[in-house]
Amino acid sequence: MREIVFDTETTGLSPAGGDRMVEIGCVEMFNRVETGRTFHSYFNPGRPMPSEAEAVHGLSDRFLADKPGFHERCEELLEFIADSPMVAHNASFDFGFINHELGQCGHPPVCMSRMVDTLVLARQKFPGAKHSLDALCTRFGVDRSQRIKHGALLDAQLLAQVYVELTGGRQIGLTLVAELIEDVDALPAVAADAVPAALVVRPARPHAPSDDELARHAAFLAQIADPIWNRLASRG
């Protein structure tokens, strides 16, 4: 199954209050494995960047001045995300900004049924614990040493690793074993008079050391000064 893990950076907390999206980073996953395909873009919000927001992500008015407006890359983004489920941390926030920007461009919103919220998953799995992206990276041993400030693409890449762990870990395929065990009653019964297949017994493989190997091993042991087995032997 194809999924898109994504993150956004904004000028503030409320698109209804005039805040805009200034960065988006998307990571493509197929069956919980990153494919290497990404979509990343900065956007000129057409409004000043509040100092509080700049302190979080480091994106200044000067940096964003020559970046495209969202409408200029909107079609590329829609082509990339297609109709895949979209995974984000505190996803309602990111969906709110994406859908606001799409509305400004005359596009229909992304359906909320496509939303997968890793914050909800983390709260269900670890009630009472810290659920920030940093805390989850620490919990799962995900390297976040490059995360000095928030950045949409880097955060999406970190979240992709966290998402894998939240949904079963790198050995997610092992859950198939339990499913097979549950289905054992559905297997066809073996007739009582069935003739078992002939058992082919292979001769044992030689494992004894050769004379040369024994000699080299003895020479190696002779190089060890005061070996512990000699001390133990002297104690009886």
C-alpha atoms as a PDB file:
ATOM      1  CA  MET A   1       0.000   0.000   0.000  1.00  0.00           C
ATOM      2  CA  ARG A   2       1.281   3.464  -0.920  1.00  0.00           C
ATOM      3  CA  GLU A   3       1.277   6.101   1.834  1.00  0.00           C
ATOM      4  CA  ILE A   4       2.570   9.656   2.071  1.00  0.00           C
ATOM      5  CA  VAL A   5       4.213  10.784   5.307  1.00  0.00           C
ATOM      6  CA  PHE A   6       4.357  14.574   5.445  1.00  0.00           C
ATOM      7  CA  ASP A   7       4.956  17.636   7.579  1.00  0.00           C
ATOM      8  CA  THR A   8       4.343  21.354   7.152  1.00  0.00           C
ATOM      9  CA  GLU A   9       5.786  24.583   8.525  1.00  0.00           C
ATOM     10  CA  THR A  10       3.600  27.663   8.815  1.00  0.00           C
ATOM     11  CA  THR A  11       3.493  31.310   9.867  1.00  0.00           C
ATOM     12  CA  GLY A  12       1.340  30.420  12.863  1.00  0.00           C
ATOM     13  CA  LEU A  13      -1.404  28.222  14.202  1.00  0.00           C
ATOM     14  CA  SER A  14      -4.573  29.380  12.457  1.00  0.00           C
ATOM     15  CA  PRO A  15      -5.206  29.383   8.704  1.00  0.00           C
ATOM     16  CA  ALA A  16      -8.609  30.932   9.414  1.00  0.00           C
ATOM     17  CA  GLY A  17      -6.763  33.791  11.125  1.00  0.00           C
ATOM     18  CA  GLY A  18      -4.588  34.475   8.095  1.00  0.00           C
ATOM     19  CA  ASP A  19      -1.648  32.162   8.739  1.00  0.00           C
ATOM     20  CA  ARG A  20      -0.116  30.449   5.714  1.00  0.00           C
ATOM     21  CA  MET A  21       1.930  27.373   4.937  1.00  0.00           C
ATOM     22  CA  VAL A  22       5.570  28.153   4.135  1.00  0.00           C
ATOM     23  CA  GLU A  23       7.039  24.659   3.707  1.00  0.00           C
ATOM     24  CA  ILE A  24       5.920  21.114   3.021  1.00  0.00           C
ATOM     25  CA  GLY A  25       7.909  17.877   2.956  1.00  0.00           C
ATOM     26  CA  CYS A  26       6.460  14.568   1.762  1.00  0.00           C
ATOM     27  CA  VAL A  27       7.989  11.084   1.862  1.00  0.00           C
ATOM     28  CA  GLU A  28       6.589   8.230  -0.209  1.00  0.00           C
ATOM     29  CA  MET A  29       6.281   4.828   1.457  1.00  0.00           C
ATOM     30  CA  PHE A  30       5.166   1.533  -0.029  1.00  0.00           C
ATOM     31  CA  ASN A  31       4.228  -1.233   2.410  1.00  0.00           C
ATOM     32  CA  ARG A  32       5.856   0.787   5.211  1.00  0.00           C
ATOM     33  CA  VAL A  33       9.171   1.078   3.303  1.00  0.00           C
ATOM     34  CA  GLU A  34      10.516   4.404   2.046  1.00  0.00           C
ATOM     35  CA  THR A  35      10.901   4.389  -1.733  1.00  0.00           C
ATOM     36  CA  GLY A  36      13.309   7.329  -1.866  1.00  0.00           C
ATOM     37  CA  ARG A  37      10.771   9.565  -3.645  1.00  0.00           C
ATOM     38  CA  THR A  38      10.036  12.864  -1.916  1.00  0.00           C
ATOM     39  CA  PHE A  39       8.326  16.173  -2.557  1.00  0.00           C
ATOM     40  CA  HIS A  40       9.662  19.300  -0.886  1.00  0.00           C
ATOM     41  CA  SER A  41       8.948  22.972  -1.379  1.00  0.00           C
ATOM     42  CA  TYR A  42       9.140  26.321   0.369  1.00  0.00           C
ATOM     43  CA  PHE A  43       6.404  28.892  -0.258  1.00  0.00           C
ATOM     44  CA  ASN A  44       6.277  32.659  -0.094  1.00  0.00           C
ATOM     45  CA  PRO A  45       3.341  33.296   2.261  1.00  0.00           C
ATOM     46  CA  GLY A  46       2.705  36.841   1.054  1.00  0.00           C
ATOM     47  CA  ARG A  47       2.737  38.111   4.628  1.00  0.00           C
ATOM     48  CA  PRO A  48       5.388  38.866   7.272  1.00  0.00           C
ATOM     49  CA  MET A  49       6.806  36.000   9.284  1.00  0.00           C
ATOM     50  CA  PRO A  50       6.102  36.376  13.020  1.00  0.00           C
ATOM     51  CA  SER A  51       9.231  36.142  15.151  1.00  0.00           C
ATOM     52  CA  GLU A  52       7.707  33.333  17.221  1.00  0.00           C
ATOM     53  CA  ALA A  53       7.231  31.152  14.140  1.00  0.00           C
ATOM     54  CA  GLU A  54      10.670  31.994  12.752  1.00  0.00           C
ATOM     55  CA  ALA A  55      12.210  30.891  16.065  1.00  0.00           C
ATOM     56  CA  VAL A  56      10.672  27.437  15.520  1.00  0.00           C
ATOM     57  CA  HIS A  57      11.632  26.744  11.902  1.00  0.00           C
ATOM     58  CA  GLY A  58      14.174  29.442  11.045  1.00  0.00           C
ATOM     59  CA  LEU A  59      12.411  30.544   7.842  1.00  0.00           C
ATOM     60  CA  SER A  60      12.739  34.313   7.512  1.00  0.00           C
ATOM     61  CA  ASP A  61      11.013  36.832   5.252  1.00  0.00           C
ATOM     62  CA  ARG A  62      14.293  37.304   3.399  1.00  0.00           C
ATOM     63  CA  PHE A  63      14.710  33.559   2.777  1.00  0.00           C
ATOM     64  CA  LEU A  64      11.130  33.133   1.550  1.00  0.00           C
ATOM     65  CA  ALA A  65      11.054  36.291  -0.577  1.00  0.00           C
ATOM     66  CA  ASP A  66      12.059  34.553  -3.834  1.00  0.00           C
ATOM     67  CA  LYS A  67      10.167  31.307  -3.195  1.00  0.00           C
ATOM     68  CA  PRO A  68       7.059  30.398  -5.240  1.00  0.00           C
ATOM     69  CA  GLY A  69       3.543  30.887  -3.982  1.00  0.00           C
ATOM     70  CA  PHE A  70       1.627  27.752  -3.073  1.00  0.00           C
ATOM     71  CA  HIS A  71      -0.490  28.091  -6.223  1.00  0.00           C
ATOM     72  CA  GLU A  72       2.636  27.768  -8.366  1.00  0.00           C
ATOM     73  CA  ARG A  73       3.439  24.262  -7.118  1.00  0.00           C
ATOM     74  CA  CYS A  74      -0.030  23.123  -6.160  1.00  0.00           C
ATOM     75  CA  GLU A  75      -0.451  20.797  -9.160  1.00  0.00           C
ATOM     76  CA  GLU A  76       2.909  19.116  -8.507  1.00  0.00           C
ATOM     77  CA  LEU A  77       1.942  18.463  -4.911  1.00  0.00           C
ATOM     78  CA  LEU A  78      -1.443  17.017  -5.860  1.00  0.00           C
ATOM     79  CA  GLU A  79       0.190  14.765  -8.446  1.00  0.00           C
ATOM     80  CA  PHE A  80       2.664  13.493  -5.853  1.00  0.00           C
ATOM     81  CA  ILE A  81       0.172  12.738  -3.078  1.00  0.00           C
ATOM     82  CA  ALA A  82      -2.418  11.362  -5.549  1.00  0.00           C
ATOM     83  CA  ASP A  83      -5.130   9.479  -3.622  1.00  0.00           C
ATOM     84  CA  SER A  84      -2.814   7.843  -1.052  1.00  0.00           C
ATOM     85  CA  PRO A  85      -3.404   7.884   2.713  1.00  0.00           C
ATOM     86  CA  MET A  86      -1.511  10.775   4.326  1.00  0.00           C
ATOM     87  CA  VAL A  87       0.376  10.350   7.596  1.00  0.00           C
ATOM     88  CA  ALA A  88       1.276  13.268   9.862  1.00  0.00           C
ATOM     89  CA  HIS A  89       1.925  14.012  13.521  1.00  0.00           C
ATOM     90  CA  ASN A  90      -1.017  15.973  14.924  1.00  0.00           C
ATOM     91  CA  ALA A  91      -2.421  15.521  11.438  1.00  0.00           C
ATOM     92  CA  SER A  92      -5.492  17.726  11.815  1.00  0.00           C
ATOM     93  CA  PHE A  93      -3.155  20.744  12.021  1.00  0.00           C
ATOM     94  CA  ASP A  94      -1.357  19.892   8.772  1.00  0.00           C
ATOM     95  CA  PHE A  95      -4.571  18.898   6.992  1.00  0.00           C
ATOM     96  CA  GLY A  96      -6.112  22.212   8.024  1.00  0.00           C
ATOM     97  CA  PHE A  97      -3.337  24.179   6.353  1.00  0.00           C
ATOM     98  CA  ILE A  98      -3.174  22.025   3.213  1.00  0.00           C
ATOM     99  CA  ASN A  99      -6.924  22.243   2.700  1.00  0.00           C
ATOM    100  CA  HIS A 100      -6.916  25.986   3.338  1.00  0.00           C
ATOM    101  CA  GLU A 101      -4.207  26.477   0.704  1.00  0.00           C
ATOM    102  CA  LEU A 102      -6.028  24.198  -1.754  1.00  0.00           C
ATOM    103  CA  GLY A 103      -9.220  26.194  -1.198  1.00  0.00           C
ATOM    104  CA  GLN A 104      -7.358  29.408  -1.974  1.00  0.00           C
ATOM    105  CA  CYS A 105      -6.390  27.846  -5.321  1.00  0.00           C
ATOM    106  CA  GLY A 106      -9.894  26.644  -6.113  1.00  0.00           C
ATOM    107  CA  HIS A 107      -9.182  22.966  -5.463  1.00  0.00           C
ATOM    108  CA  PRO A 108     -11.359  20.652  -3.360  1.00  0.00           C
ATOM    109  CA  PRO A 109      -9.966  19.690   0.058  1.00  0.00           C
ATOM    110  CA  VAL A 110      -8.120  16.458   0.767  1.00  0.00           C
ATOM    111  CA  CYS A 111     -10.656  14.075   2.280  1.00  0.00           C
ATOM    112  CA  MET A 112     -10.144  13.676   6.017  1.00  0.00           C
ATOM    113  CA  SER A 113     -10.754   9.925   5.683  1.00  0.00           C
ATOM    114  CA  ARG A 114      -7.251   9.736   4.217  1.00  0.00           C
ATOM    115  CA  MET A 115      -5.733  11.116   7.419  1.00  0.00           C
ATOM    116  CA  VAL A 116      -3.508   8.934   9.599  1.00  0.00           C
ATOM    117  CA  ASP A 117      -2.458  10.700  12.810  1.00  0.00           C
ATOM    118  CA  THR A 118       0.677   9.321  14.481  1.00  0.00           C
ATOM    119  CA  LEU A 119      -0.085  11.415  17.567  1.00  0.00           C
ATOM    120  CA  VAL A 120      -3.293   9.426  18.043  1.00  0.00           C
ATOM    121  CA  LEU A 121      -1.411   6.161  17.450  1.00  0.00           C
ATOM    122  CA  ALA A 122       1.257   7.136  20.006  1.00  0.00           C
ATOM    123  CA  ARG A 123      -1.317   8.071  22.645  1.00  0.00           C
ATOM    124  CA  GLN A 124      -3.074   4.743  22.172  1.00  0.00           C
ATOM    125  CA  LYS A 125       0.162   2.771  22.373  1.00  0.00           C
ATOM    126  CA  PHE A 126       1.885   4.725  25.167  1.00  0.00           C
ATOM    127  CA  PRO A 127      -0.782   6.399  27.326  1.00  0.00           C
ATOM    128  CA  GLY A 128       0.631   8.908  29.769  1.00  0.00           C
ATOM    129  CA  ALA A 129       4.010   9.158  28.023  1.00  0.00           C
ATOM    130  CA  LYS A 130       5.452  12.055  26.039  1.00  0.00           C
ATOM    131  CA  HIS A 131       4.253  11.988  22.434  1.00  0.00           C
ATOM    132  CA  SER A 132       6.245  14.705  20.680  1.00  0.00           C
ATOM    133  CA  LEU A 133       8.231  13.713  17.595  1.00  0.00           C
ATOM    134  CA  ASP A 134      11.459  14.194  19.558  1.00  0.00           C
ATOM    135  CA  ALA A 135      10.207  11.967  22.381  1.00  0.00           C
ATOM    136  CA  LEU A 136       9.131   9.229  19.963  1.00  0.00           C
ATOM    137  CA  CYS A 137      12.466   9.372  18.128  1.00  0.00           C
ATOM    138  CA  THR A 138      14.201   8.867  21.474  1.00  0.00           C
ATOM    139  CA  ARG A 139      11.871   6.003  22.415  1.00  0.00           C
ATOM    140  CA  PHE A 140      12.484   4.148  19.139  1.00  0.00           C
ATOM    141  CA  GLY A 141      16.173   4.989  18.749  1.00  0.00           C
ATOM    142  CA  VAL A 142      15.643   7.132  15.635  1.00  0.00           C
ATOM    143  CA  ASP A 143      18.646   9.418  15.017  1.00  0.00           C
ATOM    144  CA  ARG A 144      17.481  13.036  15.188  1.00  0.00           C
ATOM    145  CA  SER A 145      20.921  14.620  15.627  1.00  0.00           C
ATOM    146  CA  GLN A 146      20.409  16.783  12.516  1.00  0.00           C
ATOM    147  CA  ARG A 147      17.136  18.230  13.827  1.00  0.00           C
ATOM    148  CA  ILE A 148      18.354  21.576  15.155  1.00  0.00           C
ATOM    149  CA  LYS A 149      15.190  23.403  14.083  1.00  0.00           C
ATOM    150  CA  HIS A 150      11.908  22.158  12.655  1.00  0.00           C
ATOM    151  CA  GLY A 151      12.151  21.379   8.943  1.00  0.00           C
ATOM    152  CA  ALA A 152       9.301  19.832   6.973  1.00  0.00           C
ATOM    153  CA  LEU A 153      11.232  17.291   4.912  1.00  0.00           C
ATOM    154  CA  LEU A 154      13.574  16.204   7.716  1.00  0.00           C
ATOM    155  CA  ASP A 155      10.653  15.901  10.123  1.00  0.00           C
ATOM    156  CA  ALA A 156       8.704  13.846   7.568  1.00  0.00           C
ATOM    157  CA  GLN A 157      11.685  11.509   7.160  1.00  0.00           C
ATOM    158  CA  LEU A 158      11.976  11.103  10.929  1.00  0.00           C
ATOM    159  CA  LEU A 159       8.243  10.570  11.231  1.00  0.00           C
ATOM    160  CA  ALA A 160       8.347   7.871   8.544  1.00  0.00           C
ATOM    161  CA  GLN A 161      10.720   5.862  10.765  1.00  0.00           C
ATOM    162  CA  VAL A 162       8.582   6.495  13.843  1.00  0.00           C
ATOM    163  CA  TYR A 163       5.456   5.453  11.925  1.00  0.00           C
ATOM    164  CA  VAL A 164       7.032   2.104  11.042  1.00  0.00           C
ATOM    165  CA  GLU A 165       7.759   1.478  14.725  1.00  0.00           C
ATOM    166  CA  LEU A 166       4.279   2.566  15.823  1.00  0.00           C
ATOM    167  CA  THR A 167       2.687   0.138  13.373  1.00  0.00           C
ATOM    168  CA  GLY A 168       4.694  -2.958  14.174  1.00  0.00           C
ATOM    169  CA  GLY A 169       8.344  -2.131  13.757  1.00  0.00           C
ATOM    170  CA  ARG A 170      10.882  -3.229  11.196  1.00  0.00           C
ATOM    171  CA  GLN A 171       9.762  -6.855  11.657  1.00  0.00           C
ATOM    172  CA  ILE A 172       6.114  -6.090  10.958  1.00  0.00           C
ATOM    173  CA  GLY A 173       5.903  -9.173   8.727  1.00  0.00           C
ATOM    174  CA  LEU A 174       6.280 -11.422  11.750  1.00  0.00           C
ATOM    175  CA  THR A 175       2.628 -10.733  12.597  1.00  0.00           C
ATOM    176  CA  LEU A 176       1.833 -13.162   9.801  1.00  0.00           C
ATOM    177  CA  VAL A 177       2.927 -15.977  12.098  1.00  0.00           C
ATOM    178  CA  ALA A 178       0.082 -15.267  14.516  1.00  0.00           C
ATOM    179  CA  GLU A 179      -2.374 -15.135  11.643  1.00  0.00           C
ATOM    180  CA  LEU A 180      -1.201 -18.526  10.412  1.00  0.00           C
ATOM    181  CA  ILE A 181      -1.570 -20.010  13.892  1.00  0.00           C
ATOM    182  CA  GLU A 182      -5.143 -18.685  14.130  1.00  0.00           C
ATOM    183  CA  ASP A 183      -5.963 -20.363  10.818  1.00  0.00           C
ATOM    184  CA  VAL A 184      -4.572 -23.772  11.743  1.00  0.00           C
ATOM    185  CA  ASP A 185      -8.084 -25.170  12.388  1.00  0.00           C
ATOM    186  CA  ALA A 186      -8.992 -24.358   8.815  1.00  0.00           C
ATOM    187  CA  LEU A 187      -6.356 -26.734   7.437  1.00  0.00           C
ATOM    188  CA  PRO A 188      -7.676 -29.969   5.888  1.00  0.00           C
ATOM    189  CA  ALA A 189      -7.718 -32.971   8.232  1.00  0.00           C
ATOM    190  CA  VAL A 190      -5.200 -35.777   7.636  1.00  0.00           C
ATOM    191  CA  ALA A 191      -6.779 -39.184   7.097  1.00  0.00           C
ATOM    192  CA  ALA A 192      -6.033 -41.769   9.803  1.00  0.00           C
ATOM    193  CA  ASP A 193      -4.753 -44.318   7.275  1.00  0.00           C
ATOM    194  CA  ALA A 194      -2.604 -41.840   5.402  1.00  0.00           C
ATOM    195  CA  VAL A 195       0.877 -43.146   4.600  1.00  0.00           C
ATOM    196  CA  PRO A 196       3.553 -40.758   5.844  1.00  0.00           C
ATOM    197  CA  ALA A 197       6.145 -39.613   3.379  1.00  0.00           C
ATOM    198  CA  ALA A 198       9.424 -41.457   3.514  1.00  0.00           C
ATOM    199  CA  LEU A 199      11.935 -39.748   5.781  1.00  0.00           C
ATOM    200  CA  VAL A 200      15.284 -39.227   4.117  1.00  0.00           C
ATOM    201  CA  VAL A 201      18.098 -39.227   6.676  1.00  0.00           C
ATOM    202  CA  ARG A 202      21.248 -37.502   5.498  1.00  0.00           C
ATOM    203  CA  PRO A 203      24.620 -38.591   6.878  1.00  0.00           C
ATOM    204  CA  ALA A 204      26.100 -36.286   9.490  1.00  0.00           C
ATOM    205  CA  ARG A 205      28.475 -33.668   8.190  1.00  0.00           C
ATOM    206  CA  PRO A 206      32.062 -33.920   9.447  1.00  0.00           C
ATOM    207  CA  HIS A 207      32.736 -31.381  12.192  1.00  0.00           C
ATOM    208  CA  ALA A 208      35.901 -32.736  13.820  1.00  0.00           C
ATOM    209  CA  PRO A 209      38.964 -30.487  13.521  1.00  0.00           C
ATOM    210  CA  SER A 210      41.854 -31.596  11.351  1.00  0.00           C
ATOM    211  CA  ASP A 211      45.324 -32.251  12.765  1.00  0.00           C
ATOM    212  CA  ASP A 212      46.523 -28.972  11.273  1.00  0.00           C
ATOM    213  CA  GLU A 213      43.682 -27.033  12.936  1.00  0.00           C
ATOM    214  CA  LEU A 214      44.421 -28.674  16.296  1.00  0.00           C
ATOM    215  CA  ALA A 215      48.118 -27.759  15.988  1.00  0.00           C
ATOM    216  CA  ARG A 216      47.345 -24.127  15.149  1.00  0.00           C
ATOM    217  CA  HIS A 217      44.890 -23.922  18.046  1.00  0.00           C
ATOM    218  CA  ALA A 218      47.479 -25.280  20.484  1.00  0.00           C
ATOM    219  CA  ALA A 219      50.062 -22.784  19.206  1.00  0.00           C
ATOM    220  CA  PHE A 220      47.585 -19.935  19.730  1.00  0.00           C
ATOM    221  CA  LEU A 221      46.824 -21.043  23.308  1.00  0.00           C
ATOM    222  CA  ALA A 222      50.523 -21.261  24.088  1.00  0.00           C
ATOM    223  CA  GLN A 223      50.860 -17.507  23.414  1.00  0.00           C
ATOM    224  CA  ILE A 224      48.440 -16.618  26.228  1.00  0.00           C
ATOM    225  CA  ALA A 225      50.251 -15.702  29.426  1.00  0.00           C
ATOM    226  CA  ASP A 226      48.760 -17.118  32.621  1.00  0.00           C
ATOM    227  CA  PRO A 227      45.494 -18.403  31.113  1.00  0.00           C
ATOM    228  CA  ILE A 228      42.549 -18.558  33.470  1.00  0.00           C
ATOM    229  CA  TRP A 229      41.965 -22.274  32.887  1.00  0.00           C
ATOM    230  CA  ASN A 230      45.411 -23.047  34.358  1.00  0.00           C
ATOM    231  CA  ARG A 231      44.531 -21.082  37.501  1.00  0.00           C
ATOM    232  CA  LEU A 232      41.212 -22.869  37.829  1.00  0.00           C
ATOM    233  CA  ALA A 233      42.899 -26.239  37.383  1.00  0.00           C
ATOM    234  CA  SER A 234      45.398 -25.434  40.153  1.00  0.00           C
ATOM    235  CA  ARG A 235      42.496 -24.789  42.544  1.00  0.00           C
ATOM    236  CA  GLY A 236      41.144 -28.274  41.912  1.00  0.00           C
END
